[in-house]
């Protein structure tokens, strides 16, 4: 079971960004800028520490969320999507006139049990 997935449209943009920038990382902090929007950075440009939780991997790109933010989202399944428009962040898709966003739904009872046993 996966806690985070990506739409086909967003995956195509992610592949373009990987070709241009190399190894990437998704991070959703819940902090300033775009708030809880997922942001993608070159892997070396993002400092991770013990407060970051690995939620999954999307097309070979790890998706992390700050632990404090995860407390709010831990009962949800996340789907990364893409939309037209400019976000207010430093995320790599911004120059393309696009921005990543999250669609969420509550975990099913089966998913909740699975993730609580990990």
Protein backbone atom coordinates (compact mmCIF):
# COMPACT_ATOMS: atom_id res chain seq x y z
CA UNK A 1 0.00 0.00 0.00
CA UNK A 2 1.12 3.50 -0.73
CA UNK A 3 0.55 6.60 1.35
CA UNK A 4 1.36 8.96 -1.52
CA UNK A 5 0.82 8.61 -5.29
CA UNK A 6 1.15 10.85 -8.34
CA UNK A 7 -1.13 11.52 -11.29
CA UNK A 8 0.08 10.71 -14.81
CA UNK A 9 0.09 14.40 -15.72
CA UNK A 10 2.22 15.32 -12.68
CA UNK A 11 4.52 12.34 -13.32
CA UNK A 12 5.27 13.65 -16.83
CA UNK A 13 6.28 17.04 -15.40
CA UNK A 14 8.37 15.31 -12.74
CA UNK A 15 10.21 13.35 -15.45
CA UNK A 16 10.94 16.60 -17.34
CA UNK A 17 12.36 18.10 -14.16
CA UNK A 18 14.49 15.00 -13.49
CA UNK A 19 15.95 15.21 -17.00
CA UNK A 20 16.86 18.86 -16.50
CA UNK A 21 17.97 18.86 -12.84
CA UNK A 22 19.01 15.29 -12.00
CA UNK A 23 18.15 13.74 -8.62
CA UNK A 24 15.16 15.40 -6.96
CA UNK A 25 13.26 15.37 -3.71
CA UNK A 26 9.67 16.30 -2.81
CA UNK A 27 9.09 18.06 0.50
CA UNK A 28 5.89 19.27 2.09
CA UNK A 29 6.61 21.42 5.10
CA UNK A 30 3.39 23.19 5.94
CA UNK A 31 5.42 26.30 6.59
CA UNK A 32 5.67 29.59 4.76
CA UNK A 33 5.50 30.24 1.01
CA UNK A 34 2.93 27.84 -0.42
CA UNK A 35 1.90 26.49 2.98
CA UNK A 36 1.22 22.81 2.54
CA UNK A 37 1.93 22.63 -1.20
CA UNK A 38 4.42 19.91 -2.16
CA UNK A 39 7.65 21.38 -3.46
CA UNK A 40 10.32 19.68 -5.55
CA UNK A 41 13.99 20.55 -5.22
CA UNK A 42 17.31 19.26 -6.43
CA UNK A 43 18.27 16.59 -3.92
CA UNK A 44 21.40 18.42 -2.74
CA UNK A 45 19.47 21.67 -2.19
CA UNK A 46 17.21 20.27 0.52
CA UNK A 47 18.43 19.68 4.05
CA UNK A 48 16.58 16.87 5.80
CA UNK A 49 16.80 15.98 9.47
CA UNK A 50 15.13 13.67 12.00
CA UNK A 51 11.96 15.78 11.86
CA UNK A 52 11.26 14.76 8.23
CA UNK A 53 9.15 11.67 7.54
CA UNK A 54 9.57 9.66 4.33
CA UNK A 55 6.04 8.99 3.03
CA UNK A 56 6.98 7.20 -0.16
CA UNK A 57 8.72 7.36 -3.50
CA UNK A 58 7.19 8.77 -6.68
CA UNK A 59 9.03 7.82 -9.88
CA UNK A 60 12.31 7.44 -7.96
CA UNK A 61 11.79 10.75 -6.13
CA UNK A 62 11.43 10.50 -2.34
CA UNK A 63 8.49 12.39 -0.83
CA UNK A 64 9.09 13.80 2.66
CA UNK A 65 6.89 15.72 5.04
CA UNK A 66 7.88 17.55 8.19
CA UNK A 67 6.89 15.52 11.26
CA UNK A 68 4.70 18.32 12.68
CA UNK A 69 2.81 18.54 9.39
CA UNK A 70 2.56 14.74 9.22
CA UNK A 71 0.65 14.74 12.51
CA UNK A 72 -2.16 16.59 10.69
CA UNK A 73 -2.01 14.42 7.57
CA UNK A 74 -1.25 10.96 9.00
CA UNK A 75 -4.82 9.73 8.46
CA UNK A 76 -4.85 10.68 4.78
CA UNK A 77 -3.73 9.30 1.45
CA UNK A 78 -2.08 11.97 -0.71
CA UNK A 79 -2.08 12.29 -4.48
CA UNK A 80 0.36 14.72 -6.07
CA UNK A 81 -1.13 16.54 -9.05
CA UNK A 82 -0.13 19.50 -11.21
CA UNK A 83 -2.05 22.59 -12.26
CA UNK A 84 -1.43 25.71 -14.27
CA UNK A 85 -0.52 28.77 -12.29
CA UNK A 86 2.39 30.15 -10.39
CA UNK A 87 2.98 29.15 -6.81
CA UNK A 88 4.86 31.39 -4.43
CA UNK A 89 7.69 28.97 -3.78
CA UNK A 90 11.13 27.97 -4.99
CA UNK A 91 9.85 24.66 -6.35
CA UNK A 92 11.42 23.65 -9.68
CA UNK A 93 8.15 23.51 -11.66
CA UNK A 94 7.39 27.22 -11.10
CA UNK A 95 9.31 28.49 -14.19
CA UNK A 96 7.10 26.19 -16.32
CA UNK A 97 4.01 28.14 -15.25
CA UNK A 98 2.85 25.11 -13.24
CA UNK A 99 2.64 24.11 -9.61
CA UNK A 100 2.27 20.85 -7.79
CA UNK A 101 -0.67 20.41 -5.44
CA UNK A 102 -2.10 17.73 -3.17
CA UNK A 103 -5.44 15.95 -3.32
CA UNK A 104 -6.17 14.06 -0.13
CA UNK A 105 -8.66 11.52 1.12
CA UNK A 106 -9.04 9.72 4.42
CA UNK A 107 -7.28 6.38 4.67
CA UNK A 108 -9.51 3.32 4.52
CA UNK A 109 -9.66 1.16 7.65
CA UNK A 110 -7.47 -1.39 5.87
CA UNK A 111 -4.88 1.26 4.98
CA UNK A 112 -4.98 2.70 8.50
CA UNK A 113 -4.29 -0.74 9.98
CA UNK A 114 -1.48 -1.36 7.50
CA UNK A 115 0.32 1.91 8.22
CA UNK A 116 -0.16 1.62 11.98
CA UNK A 117 1.66 -1.73 11.99
CA UNK A 118 4.76 -0.34 10.21
